[in-house]
Amino acid sequence: MKHKINLALQVLPRATDKDSYTLVDEAIEIIKQSGLNYRVCPFETVIEGYYDELMEVVKKVHEACYAAGTETMMTYIKIQSSAQNHVTIDNKMEKYDNQ
């Protein structure tokens, strides 16, 4: 794929002795460190980039969550792409940002 896409990533990590929000914070830190454009939302985080680099972020998120003590995890991914154009967070959100 030659155009940027949007990937919505929701991880639901579970551990017996760790708070799930703390584990999700580990995932968000990996996304932040990626340097990619992203937006944290209540149920998922949307990341903008090229397919391969986004899949690498997903892999690193999983590794970080397990390293932080996650025992099991459900992951949900949604992808929006276009054959002709980049898909950007700003294009989709600009009319709502001033509300």
PDB file of N, CA and C in Angstrom:
ATOM      1  N   MET A   1       0.847  -1.180   0.000  1.00  0.00           N
ATOM      2  CA  MET A   1       0.000   0.000   0.000  1.00  0.00           C
ATOM      3  C   MET A   1       0.890   1.240   0.000  1.00  0.00           C
ATOM      4  N   LYS A   2       0.591   2.154  -0.892  1.00  0.00           N
ATOM      5  CA  LYS A   2       1.443   3.335  -1.020  1.00  0.00           C
ATOM      6  C   LYS A   2       0.887   4.573  -0.326  1.00  0.00           C
ATOM      7  N   HIS A   3      -0.306   4.482   0.233  1.00  0.00           N
ATOM      8  CA  HIS A   3      -0.918   5.620   0.918  1.00  0.00           C
ATOM      9  C   HIS A   3      -1.034   5.354   2.411  1.00  0.00           C
ATOM     10  N   LYS A   4      -1.017   6.438   3.176  1.00  0.00           N
ATOM     11  CA  LYS A   4      -1.227   6.313   4.614  1.00  0.00           C
ATOM     12  C   LYS A   4      -2.635   5.808   4.878  1.00  0.00           C
ATOM     13  N   ILE A   5      -2.740   5.054   5.955  1.00  0.00           N
ATOM     14  CA  ILE A   5      -4.020   4.515   6.390  1.00  0.00           C
ATOM     15  C   ILE A   5      -4.270   4.948   7.833  1.00  0.00           C
ATOM     16  N   ASN A   6      -5.465   4.709   8.308  1.00  0.00           N
ATOM     17  CA  ASN A   6      -5.778   4.847   9.726  1.00  0.00           C
ATOM     18  C   ASN A   6      -6.028   3.464  10.279  1.00  0.00           C
ATOM     19  N   LEU A   7      -5.444   3.215  11.440  1.00  0.00           N
ATOM     20  CA  LEU A   7      -5.633   1.946  12.127  1.00  0.00           C
ATOM     21  C   LEU A   7      -6.153   2.256  13.519  1.00  0.00           C
ATOM     22  N   ALA A   8      -7.299   1.709  13.860  1.00  0.00           N
ATOM     23  CA  ALA A   8      -7.852   1.843  15.206  1.00  0.00           C
ATOM     24  C   ALA A   8      -7.457   0.607  15.985  1.00  0.00           C
ATOM     25  N   LEU A   9      -6.783   0.806  17.098  1.00  0.00           N
ATOM     26  CA  LEU A   9      -6.266  -0.304  17.903  1.00  0.00           C
ATOM     27  C   LEU A   9      -6.887  -0.260  19.294  1.00  0.00           C
ATOM     28  N   GLN A  10      -7.526  -1.349  19.659  1.00  0.00           N
ATOM     29  CA  GLN A  10      -8.057  -1.504  21.008  1.00  0.00           C
ATOM     30  C   GLN A  10      -7.443  -2.757  21.606  1.00  0.00           C
ATOM     31  N   VAL A  11      -6.738  -2.599  22.719  1.00  0.00           N
ATOM     32  CA  VAL A  11      -6.207  -3.762  23.428  1.00  0.00           C
ATOM     33  C   VAL A  11      -6.926  -3.865  24.764  1.00  0.00           C
ATOM     34  N   LEU A  12      -7.263  -5.074  25.127  1.00  0.00           N
ATOM     35  CA  LEU A  12      -7.934  -5.349  26.394  1.00  0.00           C
ATOM     36  C   LEU A  12      -7.082  -6.345  27.168  1.00  0.00           C
ATOM     37  N   PRO A  13      -6.017  -5.849  27.827  1.00  0.00           N
ATOM     38  CA  PRO A  13      -5.123  -6.733  28.558  1.00  0.00           C
ATOM     39  C   PRO A  13      -5.701  -7.104  29.925  1.00  0.00           C
ATOM     40  N   ARG A  14      -5.391  -8.316  30.358  1.00  0.00           N
ATOM     41  CA  ARG A  14      -5.843  -8.773  31.675  1.00  0.00           C
ATOM     42  C   ARG A  14      -4.675  -9.390  32.409  1.00  0.00           C
ATOM     43  N   ALA A  15      -4.648  -9.133  33.701  1.00  0.00           N
ATOM     44  CA  ALA A  15      -3.661  -9.739  34.578  1.00  0.00           C
ATOM     45  C   ALA A  15      -4.271  -9.858  35.967  1.00  0.00           C
ATOM     46  N   THR A  16      -3.901 -10.887  36.675  1.00  0.00           N
ATOM     47  CA  THR A  16      -4.463 -11.134  37.994  1.00  0.00           C
ATOM     48  C   THR A  16      -4.136 -10.018  38.975  1.00  0.00           C
ATOM     49  N   ASP A  17      -2.904  -9.543  38.956  1.00  0.00           N
ATOM     50  CA  ASP A  17      -2.459  -8.589  39.961  1.00  0.00           C
ATOM     51  C   ASP A  17      -2.134  -7.195  39.416  1.00  0.00           C
ATOM     52  N   LYS A  18      -2.628  -6.870  38.225  1.00  0.00           N
ATOM     53  CA  LYS A  18      -2.361  -5.562  37.628  1.00  0.00           C
ATOM     54  C   LYS A  18      -3.669  -4.952  37.142  1.00  0.00           C
ATOM     55  N   ASP A  19      -3.748  -3.641  37.264  1.00  0.00           N
ATOM     56  CA  ASP A  19      -4.897  -2.903  36.765  1.00  0.00           C
ATOM     57  C   ASP A  19      -4.829  -2.835  35.239  1.00  0.00           C
ATOM     58  N   SER A  20      -5.935  -3.108  34.577  1.00  0.00           N
ATOM     59  CA  SER A  20      -5.962  -3.096  33.109  1.00  0.00           C
ATOM     60  C   SER A  20      -5.604  -1.730  32.536  1.00  0.00           C
ATOM     61  N   TYR A  21      -6.012  -0.649  33.206  1.00  0.00           N
ATOM     62  CA  TYR A  21      -5.684   0.692  32.706  1.00  0.00           C
ATOM     63  C   TYR A  21      -4.179   0.940  32.711  1.00  0.00           C
ATOM     64  N   THR A  22      -3.497   0.418  33.713  1.00  0.00           N
ATOM     65  CA  THR A  22      -2.040   0.547  33.763  1.00  0.00           C
ATOM     66  C   THR A  22      -1.397  -0.174  32.584  1.00  0.00           C
ATOM     67  N   LEU A  23      -1.925  -1.316  32.233  1.00  0.00           N
ATOM     68  CA  LEU A  23      -1.408  -2.073  31.095  1.00  0.00           C
ATOM     69  C   LEU A  23      -1.716  -1.365  29.780  1.00  0.00           C
ATOM     70  N   VAL A  24      -2.894  -0.767  29.673  1.00  0.00           N
ATOM     71  CA  VAL A  24      -3.240   0.004  28.475  1.00  0.00           C
ATOM     72  C   VAL A  24      -2.308   1.209  28.344  1.00  0.00           C
ATOM     73  N   ASP A  25      -1.936   1.801  29.464  1.00  0.00           N
ATOM     74  CA  ASP A  25      -0.984   2.914  29.427  1.00  0.00           C
ATOM     75  C   ASP A  25       0.344   2.493  28.808  1.00  0.00           C
ATOM     76  N   GLU A  26       0.752   1.256  29.022  1.00  0.00           N
ATOM     77  CA  GLU A  26       1.968   0.727  28.392  1.00  0.00           C
ATOM     78  C   GLU A  26       1.804   0.720  26.869  1.00  0.00           C
ATOM     79  N   ALA A  27       0.640   0.311  26.411  1.00  0.00           N
ATOM     80  CA  ALA A  27       0.361   0.283  24.967  1.00  0.00           C
ATOM     81  C   ALA A  27       0.398   1.690  24.389  1.00  0.00           C
ATOM     82  N   ILE A  28      -0.226   2.627  25.072  1.00  0.00           N
ATOM     83  CA  ILE A  28      -0.260   4.005  24.577  1.00  0.00           C
ATOM     84  C   ILE A  28       1.145   4.601  24.543  1.00  0.00           C
ATOM     85  N   GLU A  29       1.987   4.245  25.490  1.00  0.00           N
ATOM     86  CA  GLU A  29       3.365   4.746  25.495  1.00  0.00           C
ATOM     87  C   GLU A  29       4.134   4.253  24.269  1.00  0.00           C
ATOM     88  N   ILE A  30       3.910   3.016  23.865  1.00  0.00           N
ATOM     89  CA  ILE A  30       4.555   2.485  22.649  1.00  0.00           C
ATOM     90  C   ILE A  30       4.086   3.271  21.433  1.00  0.00           C
ATOM     91  N   ILE A  31       2.803   3.549  21.361  1.00  0.00           N
ATOM     92  CA  ILE A  31       2.261   4.326  20.247  1.00  0.00           C
ATOM     93  C   ILE A  31       2.872   5.721  20.239  1.00  0.00           C
ATOM     94  N   LYS A  32       2.949   6.336  21.404  1.00  0.00           N
ATOM     95  CA  LYS A  32       3.552   7.662  21.517  1.00  0.00           C
ATOM     96  C   LYS A  32       5.003   7.651  21.037  1.00  0.00           C
ATOM     97  N   GLN A  33       5.767   6.646  21.451  1.00  0.00           N
ATOM     98  CA  GLN A  33       7.179   6.536  21.075  1.00  0.00           C
ATOM     99  C   GLN A  33       7.373   6.286  19.579  1.00  0.00           C
ATOM    100  N   SER A  34       6.348   5.816  18.898  1.00  0.00           N
ATOM    101  CA  SER A  34       6.463   5.528  17.462  1.00  0.00           C
ATOM    102  C   SER A  34       6.690   6.791  16.643  1.00  0.00           C
ATOM    103  N   GLY A  35       6.276   7.938  17.178  1.00  0.00           N
ATOM    104  CA  GLY A  35       6.387   9.194  16.449  1.00  0.00           C
ATOM    105  C   GLY A  35       5.295   9.405  15.420  1.00  0.00           C
ATOM    106  N   LEU A  36       4.378   8.460  15.311  1.00  0.00           N
ATOM    107  CA  LEU A  36       3.286   8.567  14.352  1.00  0.00           C
ATOM    108  C   LEU A  36       2.176   9.458  14.913  1.00  0.00           C
ATOM    109  N   ASN A  37       1.381  10.021  14.021  1.00  0.00           N
ATOM    110  CA  ASN A  37       0.224  10.799  14.425  1.00  0.00           C
ATOM    111  C   ASN A  37      -0.807   9.837  15.013  1.00  0.00           C
ATOM    112  N   TYR A  38      -1.342  10.181  16.196  1.00  0.00           N
ATOM    113  CA  TYR A  38      -2.323   9.300  16.829  1.00  0.00           C
ATOM    114  C   TYR A  38      -3.294  10.122  17.649  1.00  0.00           C
ATOM    115  N   ARG A  39      -4.406   9.505  17.982  1.00  0.00           N
ATOM    116  CA  ARG A  39      -5.401  10.125  18.844  1.00  0.00           C
ATOM    117  C   ARG A  39      -5.966   9.059  19.773  1.00  0.00           C
ATOM    118  N   VAL A  40      -5.832   9.306  21.076  1.00  0.00           N
ATOM    119  CA  VAL A  40      -6.400   8.408  22.079  1.00  0.00           C
ATOM    120  C   VAL A  40      -7.866   8.750  22.240  1.00  0.00           C
ATOM    121  N   CYS A  41      -8.711   7.748  22.128  1.00  0.00           N
ATOM    122  CA  CYS A  41     -10.151   7.895  22.275  1.00  0.00           C
ATOM    123  C   CYS A  41     -10.606   7.014  23.447  1.00  0.00           C
ATOM    124  N   PRO A  42     -11.832   7.129  23.899  1.00  0.00           N
ATOM    125  CA  PRO A  42     -12.264   6.356  25.059  1.00  0.00           C
ATOM    126  C   PRO A  42     -12.191   4.835  24.901  1.00  0.00           C
ATOM    127  N   PHE A  43     -12.376   4.326  23.698  1.00  0.00           N
ATOM    128  CA  PHE A  43     -12.413   2.884  23.512  1.00  0.00           C
ATOM    129  C   PHE A  43     -11.257   2.328  22.699  1.00  0.00           C
ATOM    130  N   GLU A  44     -10.527   3.189  21.995  1.00  0.00           N
ATOM    131  CA  GLU A  44      -9.453   2.732  21.123  1.00  0.00           C
ATOM    132  C   GLU A  44      -8.535   3.907  20.832  1.00  0.00           C
ATOM    133  N   THR A  45      -7.407   3.608  20.253  1.00  0.00           N
ATOM    134  CA  THR A  45      -6.483   4.650  19.816  1.00  0.00           C
ATOM    135  C   THR A  45      -6.342   4.541  18.306  1.00  0.00           C
ATOM    136  N   VAL A  46      -6.493   5.668  17.616  1.00  0.00           N
ATOM    137  CA  VAL A  46      -6.375   5.707  16.162  1.00  0.00           C
ATOM    138  C   VAL A  46      -4.971   6.194  15.818  1.00  0.00           C
ATOM    139  N   ILE A  47      -4.316   5.466  14.928  1.00  0.00           N
ATOM    140  CA  ILE A  47      -2.950   5.781  14.529  1.00  0.00           C
ATOM    141  C   ILE A  47      -2.925   5.947  13.017  1.00  0.00           C
ATOM    142  N   GLU A  48      -2.154   6.925  12.554  1.00  0.00           N
ATOM    143  CA  GLU A  48      -2.033   7.218  11.126  1.00  0.00           C
ATOM    144  C   GLU A  48      -0.624   6.857  10.660  1.00  0.00           C
ATOM    145  N   GLY A  49      -0.534   6.114   9.568  1.00  0.00           N
ATOM    146  CA  GLY A  49       0.772   5.764   9.023  1.00  0.00           C
ATOM    147  C   GLY A  49       0.632   4.788   7.878  1.00  0.00           C
ATOM    148  N   TYR A  50       1.753   4.251   7.481  1.00  0.00           N
ATOM    149  CA  TYR A  50       1.763   3.246   6.419  1.00  0.00           C
ATOM    150  C   TYR A  50       1.552   1.865   7.029  1.00  0.00           C
ATOM    151  N   TYR A  51       0.937   0.994   6.271  1.00  0.00           N
ATOM    152  CA  TYR A  51       0.509  -0.312   6.764  1.00  0.00           C
ATOM    153  C   TYR A  51       1.616  -1.046   7.526  1.00  0.00           C
ATOM    154  N   ASP A  52       2.772  -1.211   6.914  1.00  0.00           N
ATOM    155  CA  ASP A  52       3.838  -1.996   7.548  1.00  0.00           C
ATOM    156  C   ASP A  52       4.315  -1.386   8.859  1.00  0.00           C
ATOM    157  N   GLU A  53       4.438  -0.065   8.915  1.00  0.00           N
ATOM    158  CA  GLU A  53       4.903   0.555  10.153  1.00  0.00           C
ATOM    159  C   GLU A  53       3.836   0.442  11.244  1.00  0.00           C
ATOM    160  N   LEU A  54       2.575   0.476  10.858  1.00  0.00           N
ATOM    161  CA  LEU A  54       1.511   0.315  11.849  1.00  0.00           C
ATOM    162  C   LEU A  54       1.463  -1.107  12.396  1.00  0.00           C
ATOM    163  N   MET A  55       1.689  -2.091  11.548  1.00  0.00           N
ATOM    164  CA  MET A  55       1.711  -3.470  12.025  1.00  0.00           C
ATOM    165  C   MET A  55       2.895  -3.698  12.984  1.00  0.00           C
ATOM    166  N   GLU A  56       3.987  -2.996  12.751  1.00  0.00           N
ATOM    167  CA  GLU A  56       5.135  -3.069  13.668  1.00  0.00           C
ATOM    168  C   GLU A  56       4.769  -2.464  15.023  1.00  0.00           C
ATOM    169  N   VAL A  57       4.006  -1.391  15.015  1.00  0.00           N
ATOM    170  CA  VAL A  57       3.543  -0.794  16.271  1.00  0.00           C
ATOM    171  C   VAL A  57       2.641  -1.769  17.019  1.00  0.00           C
ATOM    172  N   VAL A  58       1.733  -2.415  16.315  1.00  0.00           N
ATOM    173  CA  VAL A  58       0.847  -3.406  16.942  1.00  0.00           C
ATOM    174  C   VAL A  58       1.681  -4.503  17.599  1.00  0.00           C
ATOM    175  N   LYS A  59       2.695  -4.983  16.926  1.00  0.00           N
ATOM    176  CA  LYS A  59       3.579  -6.018  17.481  1.00  0.00           C
ATOM    177  C   LYS A  59       4.261  -5.514  18.751  1.00  0.00           C
ATOM    178  N   LYS A  60       4.794  -4.301  18.708  1.00  0.00           N
ATOM    179  CA  LYS A  60       5.483  -3.732  19.875  1.00  0.00           C
ATOM    180  C   LYS A  60       4.527  -3.502  21.041  1.00  0.00           C
ATOM    181  N   VAL A  61       3.288  -3.127  20.736  1.00  0.00           N
ATOM    182  CA  VAL A  61       2.275  -2.967  21.776  1.00  0.00           C
ATOM    183  C   VAL A  61       2.051  -4.292  22.495  1.00  0.00           C
ATOM    184  N   HIS A  62       1.910  -5.356  21.739  1.00  0.00           N
ATOM    185  CA  HIS A  62       1.718  -6.672  22.349  1.00  0.00           C
ATOM    186  C   HIS A  62       2.911  -7.052  23.217  1.00  0.00           C
ATOM    187  N   GLU A  63       4.102  -6.868  22.694  1.00  0.00           N
ATOM    188  CA  GLU A  63       5.315  -7.212  23.452  1.00  0.00           C
ATOM    189  C   GLU A  63       5.396  -6.410  24.748  1.00  0.00           C
ATOM    190  N   ALA A  64       5.085  -5.121  24.688  1.00  0.00           N
ATOM    191  CA  ALA A  64       5.161  -4.270  25.871  1.00  0.00           C
ATOM    192  C   ALA A  64       4.112  -4.668  26.915  1.00  0.00           C
ATOM    193  N   CYS A  65       2.915  -4.970  26.470  1.00  0.00           N
ATOM    194  CA  CYS A  65       1.869  -5.374  27.411  1.00  0.00           C
ATOM    195  C   CYS A  65       2.239  -6.674  28.120  1.00  0.00           C
ATOM    196  N   TYR A  66       2.749  -7.635  27.377  1.00  0.00           N
ATOM    197  CA  TYR A  66       3.149  -8.897  28.006  1.00  0.00           C
ATOM    198  C   TYR A  66       4.348  -8.698  28.922  1.00  0.00           C
ATOM    199  N   ALA A  67       5.284  -7.852  28.536  1.00  0.00           N
ATOM    200  CA  ALA A  67       6.445  -7.568  29.392  1.00  0.00           C
ATOM    201  C   ALA A  67       6.016  -6.880  30.687  1.00  0.00           C
ATOM    202  N   ALA A  68       4.902  -6.141  30.650  1.00  0.00           N
ATOM    203  CA  ALA A  68       4.399  -5.431  31.823  1.00  0.00           C
ATOM    204  C   ALA A  68       3.534  -6.308  32.722  1.00  0.00           C
ATOM    205  N   GLY A  69       3.313  -7.557  32.331  1.00  0.00           N
ATOM    206  CA  GLY A  69       2.562  -8.471  33.184  1.00  0.00           C
ATOM    207  C   GLY A  69       1.223  -8.937  32.666  1.00  0.00           C
ATOM    208  N   THR A  70       0.861  -8.556  31.458  1.00  0.00           N
ATOM    209  CA  THR A  70      -0.393  -9.037  30.873  1.00  0.00           C
ATOM    210  C   THR A  70      -0.359 -10.556  30.773  1.00  0.00           C
ATOM    211  N   GLU A  71      -1.450 -11.183  31.163  1.00  0.00           N
ATOM    212  CA  GLU A  71      -1.550 -12.641  31.077  1.00  0.00           C
ATOM    213  C   GLU A  71      -2.312 -13.069  29.826  1.00  0.00           C
ATOM    214  N   THR A  72      -3.388 -12.381  29.543  1.00  0.00           N
ATOM    215  CA  THR A  72      -4.164 -12.618  28.322  1.00  0.00           C
ATOM    216  C   THR A  72      -4.603 -11.277  27.772  1.00  0.00           C
ATOM    217  N   MET A  73      -4.849 -11.235  26.462  1.00  0.00           N
ATOM    218  CA  MET A  73      -5.227  -9.968  25.854  1.00  0.00           C
ATOM    219  C   MET A  73      -6.084 -10.211  24.617  1.00  0.00           C
ATOM    220  N   MET A  74      -7.136  -9.429  24.521  1.00  0.00           N
ATOM    221  CA  MET A  74      -7.935  -9.372  23.297  1.00  0.00           C
ATOM    222  C   MET A  74      -7.515  -8.103  22.574  1.00  0.00           C
ATOM    223  N   THR A  75      -7.392  -8.196  21.247  1.00  0.00           N
ATOM    224  CA  THR A  75      -7.000  -7.044  20.440  1.00  0.00           C
ATOM    225  C   THR A  75      -7.977  -6.901  19.283  1.00  0.00           C
ATOM    226  N   TYR A  76      -8.446  -5.679  19.099  1.00  0.00           N
ATOM    227  CA  TYR A  76      -9.356  -5.386  18.000  1.00  0.00           C
ATOM    228  C   TYR A  76      -8.717  -4.321  17.129  1.00  0.00           C
ATOM    229  N   ILE A  77      -8.709  -4.561  15.821  1.00  0.00           N
ATOM    230  CA  ILE A  77      -8.094  -3.649  14.868  1.00  0.00           C
ATOM    231  C   ILE A  77      -9.113  -3.322  13.770  1.00  0.00           C
ATOM    232  N   LYS A  78      -9.205  -2.027  13.457  1.00  0.00           N
ATOM    233  CA  LYS A  78      -9.989  -1.574  12.311  1.00  0.00           C
ATOM    234  C   LYS A  78      -9.054  -0.762  11.429  1.00  0.00           C
ATOM    235  N   ILE A  79      -9.186  -0.932  10.128  1.00  0.00           N
ATOM    236  CA  ILE A  79      -8.320  -0.222   9.186  1.00  0.00           C
ATOM    237  C   ILE A  79      -9.188   0.505   8.162  1.00  0.00           C
ATOM    238  N   GLN A  80      -8.841   1.771   7.928  1.00  0.00           N
ATOM    239  CA  GLN A  80      -9.446   2.522   6.824  1.00  0.00           C
ATOM    240  C   GLN A  80      -8.326   2.867   5.858  1.00  0.00           C
ATOM    241  N   SER A  81      -8.537   2.555   4.586  1.00  0.00           N
ATOM    242  CA  SER A  81      -7.533   2.832   3.560  1.00  0.00           C
ATOM    243  C   SER A  81      -8.220   3.353   2.302  1.00  0.00           C
ATOM    244  N   SER A  82      -7.403   3.869   1.388  1.00  0.00           N
ATOM    245  CA  SER A  82      -7.908   4.383   0.114  1.00  0.00           C
ATOM    246  C   SER A  82      -6.903   4.039  -0.972  1.00  0.00           C
ATOM    247  N   ALA A  83      -7.379   3.683  -2.143  1.00  0.00           N
ATOM    248  CA  ALA A  83      -6.488   3.376  -3.263  1.00  0.00           C
ATOM    249  C   ALA A  83      -5.880   4.643  -3.860  1.00  0.00           C
ATOM    250  N   GLN A  84      -6.542   5.789  -3.700  1.00  0.00           N
ATOM    251  CA  GLN A  84      -6.086   7.026  -4.346  1.00  0.00           C
ATOM    252  C   GLN A  84      -5.441   8.047  -3.414  1.00  0.00           C
ATOM    253  N   ASN A  85      -5.791   8.050  -2.132  1.00  0.00           N
ATOM    254  CA  ASN A  85      -5.385   9.131  -1.234  1.00  0.00           C
ATOM    255  C   ASN A  85      -4.910   8.602   0.112  1.00  0.00           C
ATOM    256  N   HIS A  86      -4.177   9.469   0.817  1.00  0.00           N
ATOM    257  CA  HIS A  86      -3.867   9.190   2.208  1.00  0.00           C
ATOM    258  C   HIS A  86      -5.155   9.316   3.020  1.00  0.00           C
ATOM    259  N   VAL A  87      -5.291   8.488   4.028  1.00  0.00           N
ATOM    260  CA  VAL A  87      -6.380   8.613   4.993  1.00  0.00           C
ATOM    261  C   VAL A  87      -5.759   9.233   6.242  1.00  0.00           C
ATOM    262  N   THR A  88      -6.254  10.413   6.630  1.00  0.00           N
ATOM    263  CA  THR A  88      -5.658  11.100   7.771  1.00  0.00           C
ATOM    264  C   THR A  88      -6.674  11.340   8.871  1.00  0.00           C
ATOM    265  N   ILE A  89      -6.177  11.392  10.071  1.00  0.00           N
ATOM    266  CA  ILE A  89      -7.019  11.697  11.224  1.00  0.00           C
ATOM    267  C   ILE A  89      -7.576  13.107  11.087  1.00  0.00           C
ATOM    268  N   ASP A  90      -6.709  14.049  10.715  1.00  0.00           N
ATOM    269  CA  ASP A  90      -7.138  15.449  10.619  1.00  0.00           C
ATOM    270  C   ASP A  90      -8.272  15.647   9.619  1.00  0.00           C
ATOM    271  N   ASN A  91      -8.199  14.998   8.472  1.00  0.00           N
ATOM    272  CA  ASN A  91      -9.270  15.144   7.478  1.00  0.00           C
ATOM    273  C   ASN A  91     -10.611  14.668   8.019  1.00  0.00           C
ATOM    274  N   LYS A  92     -10.575  13.632   8.823  1.00  0.00           N
ATOM    275  CA  LYS A  92     -11.824  13.096   9.353  1.00  0.00           C
ATOM    276  C   LYS A  92     -12.343  13.880  10.547  1.00  0.00           C
ATOM    277  N   MET A  93     -11.444  14.529  11.295  1.00  0.00           N
ATOM    278  CA  MET A  93     -11.837  15.136  12.560  1.00  0.00           C
ATOM    279  C   MET A  93     -11.916  16.648  12.567  1.00  0.00           C
ATOM    280  N   GLU A  94     -11.413  17.319  11.522  1.00  0.00           N
ATOM    281  CA  GLU A  94     -11.301  18.772  11.584  1.00  0.00           C
ATOM    282  C   GLU A  94     -12.609  19.495  11.859  1.00  0.00           C
ATOM    283  N   LYS A  95     -13.717  19.012  11.345  1.00  0.00           N
ATOM    284  CA  LYS A  95     -14.981  19.718  11.573  1.00  0.00           C
ATOM    285  C   LYS A  95     -15.509  19.495  12.991  1.00  0.00           C
ATOM    286  N   TYR A  96     -14.972  18.517  13.725  1.00  0.00           N
ATOM    287  CA  TYR A  96     -15.431  18.247  15.086  1.00  0.00           C
ATOM    288  C   TYR A  96     -14.512  18.816  16.160  1.00  0.00           C
ATOM    289  N   ASP A  97     -13.299  19.186  15.812  1.00  0.00           N
ATOM    290  CA  ASP A  97     -12.313  19.622  16.798  1.00  0.00           C
ATOM    291  C   ASP A  97     -12.681  20.896  17.516  1.00  0.00           C
ATOM    292  N   ASN A  98     -13.523  21.715  16.965  1.00  0.00           N
ATOM    293  CA  ASN A  98     -13.874  22.986  17.593  1.00  0.00           C
ATOM    294  C   ASN A  98     -15.195  22.932  18.360  1.00  0.00           C
ATOM    295  N   GLN A  99     -15.715  21.767  18.578  1.00  0.00           N
ATOM    296  CA  GLN A  99     -16.988  21.666  19.284  1.00  0.00           C
ATOM    297  C   GLN A  99     -16.776  21.654  20.781  1.00  0.00           C
TER     298      GLN A  99
END
